[in-house]
């Protein structure tokens, strides 16, 4: 039997599976007729759940107390601490007496490198036409667009949650770009001091995961291949669960779950107003989007969901500018 065209990889953890798996399977995995791989932590939080029942590949990495230990294992003798000179929250989880950053951004960088090594070991780069890197705690309220709408010349990222860069929460990458795409994290292991120098030349401060993704895609020669697809999912967790200090989300009792990022949720809701059937996607992706009302309505609904971010003065002009930015973005 021939391999399926698509491999979906859940990266990091299978958290919130009790809320998300049914729609993940229905609207993403089954829609793309995809195989599933789990590249996750080996820890007490990672227990058997439906993601494991449907996974073709399971790769686990033992979570260290200090994520610098992963660098010492994968790249002994390299000075990973040089990257901590670049604030402010992209490299958390590496312990240091004075330069330690908030969060655990280093965790996903480590898992990307761990995934690259597992893909090499399994010889999977040539077995699939498309690779989808995603997370388990996404709710998928609409069916994913069909593969026929995507060009194998481009890699696709969700159009949202950019924070001065590109979101790292989801990516859809064709075979011809995927091996290069998976080099993204490798420089933090192989050449941390040289990478830090190059990053400082761009900006000595204000680094986050999103700006790191954008920077590395440019270095890898993939920036010109990036296209954006409508942001169609939103991140959740069980009601009342612990969350980081200052997190933007909150409990949504109508949904009976905690919505982590309100803007994600607003964008996904806007999309539900224009995509009712799988066939509607042809009006949202590619050049024919210009000829259908759905695309323009979606852009306006998305803009209006962000109006609270702008002061009242000149709000109309700011919203118009934002609308034109969305319309002009390549897809």
Protein backbone atom coordinates (compact mmCIF):
# COMPACT_ATOMS: atom_id res chain seq x y z
CA UNK A 1 0.00 0.00 0.00
CA UNK A 2 1.42 3.40 -0.96
CA UNK A 3 2.25 5.89 1.75
CA UNK A 4 -0.25 8.64 2.38
CA UNK A 5 0.55 12.03 0.94
CA UNK A 6 0.68 13.90 4.25
CA UNK A 7 2.37 13.43 7.61
CA UNK A 8 1.05 15.44 10.55
CA UNK A 9 3.50 15.91 13.42
CA UNK A 10 2.28 16.95 16.87
CA UNK A 11 5.21 18.68 18.51
CA UNK A 12 5.96 19.01 22.24
CA UNK A 13 2.99 17.49 24.07
CA UNK A 14 -0.45 15.96 23.53
CA UNK A 15 -2.07 18.38 25.96
CA UNK A 16 -5.84 19.12 25.97
CA UNK A 17 -6.48 15.90 24.01
CA UNK A 18 -9.80 15.37 25.81
CA UNK A 19 -11.07 18.62 24.25
CA UNK A 20 -9.44 18.60 20.85
CA UNK A 21 -8.88 15.13 19.45
CA UNK A 22 -12.31 14.51 17.92
CA UNK A 23 -12.15 17.65 15.74
CA UNK A 24 -8.43 17.15 15.10
CA UNK A 25 -9.21 13.76 13.59
CA UNK A 26 -12.33 14.85 11.72
CA UNK A 27 -11.26 18.22 10.32
CA UNK A 28 -7.50 17.82 9.95
CA UNK A 29 -6.24 14.24 9.98
CA UNK A 30 -9.12 12.59 8.09
CA UNK A 31 -9.57 15.60 5.82
CA UNK A 32 -5.93 15.32 4.63
CA UNK A 33 -5.95 11.50 4.76
CA UNK A 34 -2.77 11.89 6.80
CA UNK A 35 -0.52 9.73 8.90
CA UNK A 36 0.20 10.99 12.41
CA UNK A 37 3.51 11.28 14.27
CA UNK A 38 3.96 12.35 17.87
CA UNK A 39 7.24 14.06 18.79
CA UNK A 40 6.65 14.66 22.47
CA UNK A 41 8.16 14.75 25.92
CA UNK A 42 8.78 11.71 28.07
CA UNK A 43 7.29 12.97 31.32
CA UNK A 44 4.50 12.37 33.82
CA UNK A 45 2.11 14.70 31.95
CA UNK A 46 2.34 12.63 28.77
CA UNK A 47 -0.11 9.77 29.31
CA UNK A 48 -1.82 7.46 26.83
CA UNK A 49 -4.68 9.13 24.96
CA UNK A 50 -6.42 8.98 21.54
CA UNK A 51 -3.50 10.68 19.79
CA UNK A 52 -1.39 7.62 20.60
CA UNK A 53 -4.10 5.24 19.36
CA UNK A 54 -3.92 6.84 15.90
CA UNK A 55 -0.19 7.58 15.67
CA UNK A 56 1.98 5.75 13.16
CA UNK A 57 5.17 7.10 14.75
CA UNK A 58 5.88 8.02 18.36
CA UNK A 59 9.17 9.70 19.29
CA UNK A 60 9.78 10.69 22.90
CA UNK A 61 12.50 12.80 24.42
CA UNK A 62 13.11 12.79 28.16
CA UNK A 63 12.45 16.26 29.56
CA UNK A 64 15.52 17.57 31.39
CA UNK A 65 15.27 19.86 34.40
CA UNK A 66 17.50 22.30 32.53
CA UNK A 67 17.08 22.45 28.75
CA UNK A 68 20.77 23.33 28.43
CA UNK A 69 21.35 19.61 29.09
CA UNK A 70 19.75 18.82 25.72
CA UNK A 71 22.33 21.05 24.04
CA UNK A 72 25.13 19.34 25.91
CA UNK A 73 23.77 16.01 24.66
CA UNK A 74 23.14 17.00 21.03
CA UNK A 75 26.10 19.37 20.59
CA UNK A 76 28.74 18.78 23.28
CA UNK A 77 31.31 21.50 23.69
CA UNK A 78 29.20 24.28 22.17
CA UNK A 79 28.49 27.46 24.12
CA UNK A 80 24.68 27.54 24.11
CA UNK A 81 24.69 30.30 26.75
CA UNK A 82 25.84 32.77 24.10
CA UNK A 83 22.25 32.83 22.82
CA UNK A 84 20.98 34.10 26.18
CA UNK A 85 22.60 37.44 25.35
CA UNK A 86 19.63 38.01 23.03
CA UNK A 87 16.62 39.00 25.18
CA UNK A 88 13.79 38.71 25.88
CA UNK A 89 11.69 35.49 25.82
CA UNK A 90 12.64 33.20 22.98
CA UNK A 91 15.13 31.01 24.82
CA UNK A 92 13.54 30.33 28.19
CA UNK A 93 14.21 27.04 29.95
CA UNK A 94 18.01 27.41 29.81
CA UNK A 95 19.10 27.99 33.38
CA UNK A 96 21.56 30.81 34.05
CA UNK A 97 22.25 32.90 37.17
CA UNK A 98 21.85 36.29 35.42
CA UNK A 99 20.59 35.82 31.85
CA UNK A 100 17.79 33.28 32.31
CA UNK A 101 14.69 34.16 30.27
CA UNK A 102 11.00 33.66 31.03
CA UNK A 103 9.01 30.77 29.63
CA UNK A 104 10.30 27.61 27.97
CA UNK A 105 10.96 28.73 24.39
CA UNK A 106 14.04 26.50 24.23
CA UNK A 107 11.81 23.44 24.63
CA UNK A 108 10.28 23.72 21.15
CA UNK A 109 13.65 24.52 19.60
CA UNK A 110 15.03 21.33 21.11
CA UNK A 111 12.02 19.32 19.89
CA UNK A 112 12.46 20.66 16.36
CA UNK A 113 16.03 19.39 16.36
CA UNK A 114 14.97 16.10 17.94
CA UNK A 115 12.32 15.76 15.23
CA UNK A 116 14.85 16.48 12.48
CA UNK A 117 17.04 13.66 13.76
CA UNK A 118 14.12 11.23 13.99
CA UNK A 119 12.99 12.04 10.44
CA UNK A 120 16.53 11.40 9.21
CA UNK A 121 16.77 8.14 11.13
CA UNK A 122 13.40 6.89 9.80
CA UNK A 123 14.11 8.07 6.23
CA UNK A 124 10.78 9.91 6.04
CA UNK A 125 11.71 13.00 4.03
CA UNK A 126 10.98 11.26 0.75
CA UNK A 127 7.89 9.33 1.81
CA UNK A 128 5.38 12.17 2.01
CA UNK A 129 4.38 15.04 -0.26
CA UNK A 130 3.36 17.36 2.60
CA UNK A 131 4.38 17.73 6.23
CA UNK A 132 2.21 19.51 8.80
CA UNK A 133 3.79 20.61 12.10
CA UNK A 134 1.13 21.49 14.63
CA UNK A 135 0.06 21.23 18.25
CA UNK A 136 -2.48 19.06 20.01
CA UNK A 137 -4.38 21.80 21.85
CA UNK A 138 -5.90 23.38 18.74
CA UNK A 139 -9.65 23.25 18.23
CA UNK A 140 -10.38 22.78 14.50
CA UNK A 141 -13.89 24.22 14.01
CA UNK A 142 -13.83 24.00 10.19
CA UNK A 143 -12.44 21.42 7.78
CA UNK A 144 -8.91 22.03 6.57
CA UNK A 145 -8.63 23.13 2.91
CA UNK A 146 -7.95 20.37 0.41
CA UNK A 147 -4.38 19.77 -0.73
CA UNK A 148 -5.30 20.67 -4.31
CA UNK A 149 -5.49 24.34 -3.26
CA UNK A 150 -1.84 24.47 -2.17
CA UNK A 151 1.20 24.81 -4.39
CA UNK A 152 4.16 22.48 -3.75
CA UNK A 153 6.36 25.48 -4.56
CA UNK A 154 5.40 27.22 -1.31
CA UNK A 155 5.27 26.60 2.42
CA UNK A 156 2.21 27.83 4.29
CA UNK A 157 1.86 29.49 7.69
CA UNK A 158 -1.30 30.70 9.46
CA UNK A 159 -2.04 34.37 8.85
CA UNK A 160 -2.03 35.61 12.44
CA UNK A 161 -0.29 35.62 15.83
CA UNK A 162 2.90 36.91 14.22
CA UNK A 163 4.35 39.18 16.92
CA UNK A 164 6.92 40.81 14.63
CA UNK A 165 7.67 37.49 12.91
CA UNK A 166 5.91 34.28 11.88
CA UNK A 167 3.90 32.08 14.20
CA UNK A 168 5.56 28.82 15.22
CA UNK A 169 2.30 27.13 16.18
CA UNK A 170 1.53 25.55 12.82
CA UNK A 171 3.20 25.06 9.46
CA UNK A 172 2.37 23.16 6.27
CA UNK A 173 5.48 22.43 4.20
CA UNK A 174 5.88 20.54 0.91
CA UNK A 175 8.51 17.85 0.47
CA UNK A 176 10.84 20.00 -1.63
CA UNK A 177 11.24 22.57 1.18
CA UNK A 178 10.82 20.40 4.26
CA UNK A 179 14.38 19.19 4.72
CA UNK A 180 15.60 22.79 4.55
CA UNK A 181 12.76 23.95 6.81
CA UNK A 182 13.84 21.43 9.44
CA UNK A 183 17.28 23.07 9.58
CA UNK A 184 15.66 25.96 11.46
CA UNK A 185 16.73 24.89 14.94
CA UNK A 186 20.02 23.26 13.99
CA UNK A 187 22.12 26.45 14.11
CA UNK A 188 21.37 26.88 17.83
CA UNK A 189 23.21 23.58 18.36
CA UNK A 190 25.94 23.65 15.72
CA UNK A 191 26.99 27.30 15.86
CA UNK A 192 25.41 29.13 18.83
CA UNK A 193 28.04 31.85 19.10
CA UNK A 194 28.02 32.64 15.38
CA UNK A 195 24.22 32.55 15.32
CA UNK A 196 24.10 34.97 18.26
CA UNK A 197 26.40 37.33 16.36
CA UNK A 198 24.16 37.26 13.28
CA UNK A 199 21.03 37.80 15.34
CA UNK A 200 22.57 40.73 17.20
CA UNK A 201 23.41 42.33 13.87
CA UNK A 202 19.68 42.33 13.11
CA UNK A 203 18.56 43.41 16.59
CA UNK A 204 20.31 43.22 19.97
CA UNK A 205 16.96 43.07 21.85
CA UNK A 206 13.28 42.13 21.54
CA UNK A 207 13.65 38.56 20.31
CA UNK A 208 10.78 36.13 20.59
CA UNK A 209 9.99 32.76 19.06
CA UNK A 210 8.14 34.34 16.14
CA UNK A 211 10.96 36.72 15.21
CA UNK A 212 13.44 33.84 15.45
CA UNK A 213 11.33 31.76 13.02
CA UNK A 214 11.22 34.63 10.53
CA UNK A 215 14.94 35.29 10.88
CA UNK A 216 15.87 31.66 10.29
CA UNK A 217 13.55 31.25 7.29
CA UNK A 218 15.34 34.19 5.71
CA UNK A 219 18.74 32.66 6.48
CA UNK A 220 17.65 29.35 5.00
CA UNK A 221 16.50 31.01 1.79
CA UNK A 222 12.86 30.11 2.38
CA UNK A 223 11.37 33.57 3.03
CA UNK A 224 10.38 33.95 -0.62
CA UNK A 225 8.50 30.66 -0.50
CA UNK A 226 6.30 31.62 2.46
CA UNK A 227 2.60 32.04 1.83
CA UNK A 228 -0.21 32.52 4.32
CA UNK A 229 -3.44 30.63 4.79
CA UNK A 230 -6.43 31.78 6.88
CA UNK A 231 -5.99 31.16 10.59
CA UNK A 232 -8.61 28.45 11.12
CA UNK A 233 -7.97 27.04 14.61
CA UNK A 234 -7.64 28.27 18.20
CA UNK A 235 -5.79 27.06 21.29
CA UNK A 236 -7.62 25.77 24.37
CA UNK A 237 -7.24 23.93 27.64
CA UNK A 238 -9.66 22.66 30.31
CA UNK A 239 -11.63 25.17 32.35
CA UNK A 240 -9.84 26.56 35.37
CA UNK A 241 -6.49 25.02 34.51
CA UNK A 242 -3.22 26.73 35.44
CA UNK A 243 -1.89 29.35 33.05
CA UNK A 244 1.07 31.67 32.86
CA UNK A 245 1.01 35.04 34.57
CA UNK A 246 -0.32 37.74 32.26
CA UNK A 247 -1.77 35.23 29.77
CA UNK A 248 -4.38 36.92 27.57
CA UNK A 249 -7.02 34.18 27.63
CA UNK A 250 -9.79 33.15 29.98
CA UNK A 251 -12.50 30.62 30.72
CA UNK A 252 -15.23 30.44 28.07
CA UNK A 253 -18.21 28.83 29.79
CA UNK A 254 -20.21 28.72 26.59
CA UNK A 255 -17.55 26.46 25.07
CA UNK A 256 -16.82 24.82 28.44
CA UNK A 257 -13.09 25.34 28.00
CA UNK A 258 -10.35 27.91 28.48
CA UNK A 259 -9.50 29.87 25.30
CA UNK A 260 -5.82 30.78 25.43
CA UNK A 261 -5.61 33.52 22.80
CA UNK A 262 -8.75 35.63 22.22
CA UNK A 263 -7.56 36.89 18.82
CA UNK A 264 -7.07 33.33 17.55
CA UNK A 265 -10.61 32.56 18.60
CA UNK A 266 -12.02 35.72 16.94
CA UNK A 267 -10.28 34.93 13.65
CA UNK A 268 -11.54 31.33 13.67
CA UNK A 269 -15.07 32.58 14.40
CA UNK A 270 -14.84 35.02 11.49
CA UNK A 271 -13.80 32.17 9.22
CA UNK A 272 -16.80 30.12 10.30
CA UNK A 273 -19.00 32.91 8.92
CA UNK A 274 -17.73 32.36 5.37
CA UNK A 275 -16.60 28.72 5.13
CA UNK A 276 -19.52 26.34 5.54
CA UNK A 277 -18.58 23.51 3.19
CA UNK A 278 -15.17 22.19 2.04
CA UNK A 279 -15.92 23.58 -1.43
CA UNK A 280 -16.02 27.12 0.01
CA UNK A 281 -12.26 27.04 0.52
CA UNK A 282 -11.63 27.65 -3.17
CA UNK A 283 -12.88 31.20 -2.58
CA UNK A 284 -10.40 31.82 0.27
CA UNK A 285 -7.06 30.58 -1.12
CA UNK A 286 -5.34 31.44 -4.38
CA UNK A 287 -6.00 34.13 -7.00
CA UNK A 288 -9.73 33.42 -7.35
CA UNK A 289 -10.25 34.80 -3.84
CA UNK A 290 -10.47 38.26 -5.41
CA UNK A 291 -13.67 37.28 -7.19
CA UNK A 292 -15.75 36.18 -4.22
CA UNK A 293 -17.44 38.08 -1.40
CA UNK A 294 -16.33 35.53 1.23
CA UNK A 295 -12.72 36.64 1.19
CA UNK A 296 -13.52 40.34 1.62
CA UNK A 297 -16.10 39.72 4.33
CA UNK A 298 -13.61 37.55 6.21
CA UNK A 299 -10.98 40.31 6.04
CA UNK A 300 -13.42 42.89 7.40
CA UNK A 301 -14.65 40.61 10.20
CA UNK A 302 -11.08 39.94 11.15
CA UNK A 303 -10.22 43.63 11.17
CA UNK A 304 -13.25 44.45 13.32
CA UNK A 305 -12.25 41.78 15.83
CA UNK A 306 -9.02 43.73 16.38
CA UNK A 307 -10.52 47.20 16.73
CA UNK A 308 -10.07 47.20 20.51
CA UNK A 309 -6.30 47.25 19.89
CA UNK A 310 -6.47 50.73 18.38
CA UNK A 311 -7.24 54.07 20.09
CA UNK A 312 -10.45 55.77 19.03
CA UNK A 313 -8.59 58.57 17.28
CA UNK A 314 -7.98 57.59 13.65
CA UNK A 315 -9.44 54.14 14.32
CA UNK A 316 -11.24 54.06 10.97
CA UNK A 317 -8.04 54.83 9.06
CA UNK A 318 -6.10 52.26 11.05
CA UNK A 319 -8.72 49.61 10.38
CA UNK A 320 -8.76 50.46 6.68
CA UNK A 321 -4.98 50.16 6.55
CA UNK A 322 -5.17 46.80 8.32
CA UNK A 323 -7.80 45.58 5.88
CA UNK A 324 -5.61 46.50 2.91
CA UNK A 325 -2.66 44.66 4.50
CA UNK A 326 -4.73 41.47 4.82
CA UNK A 327 -6.03 41.73 1.27
CA UNK A 328 -2.54 42.30 -0.12
CA UNK A 329 -0.91 39.34 1.63
CA UNK A 330 0.14 36.46 -0.64
CA UNK A 331 -1.66 33.19 -0.27
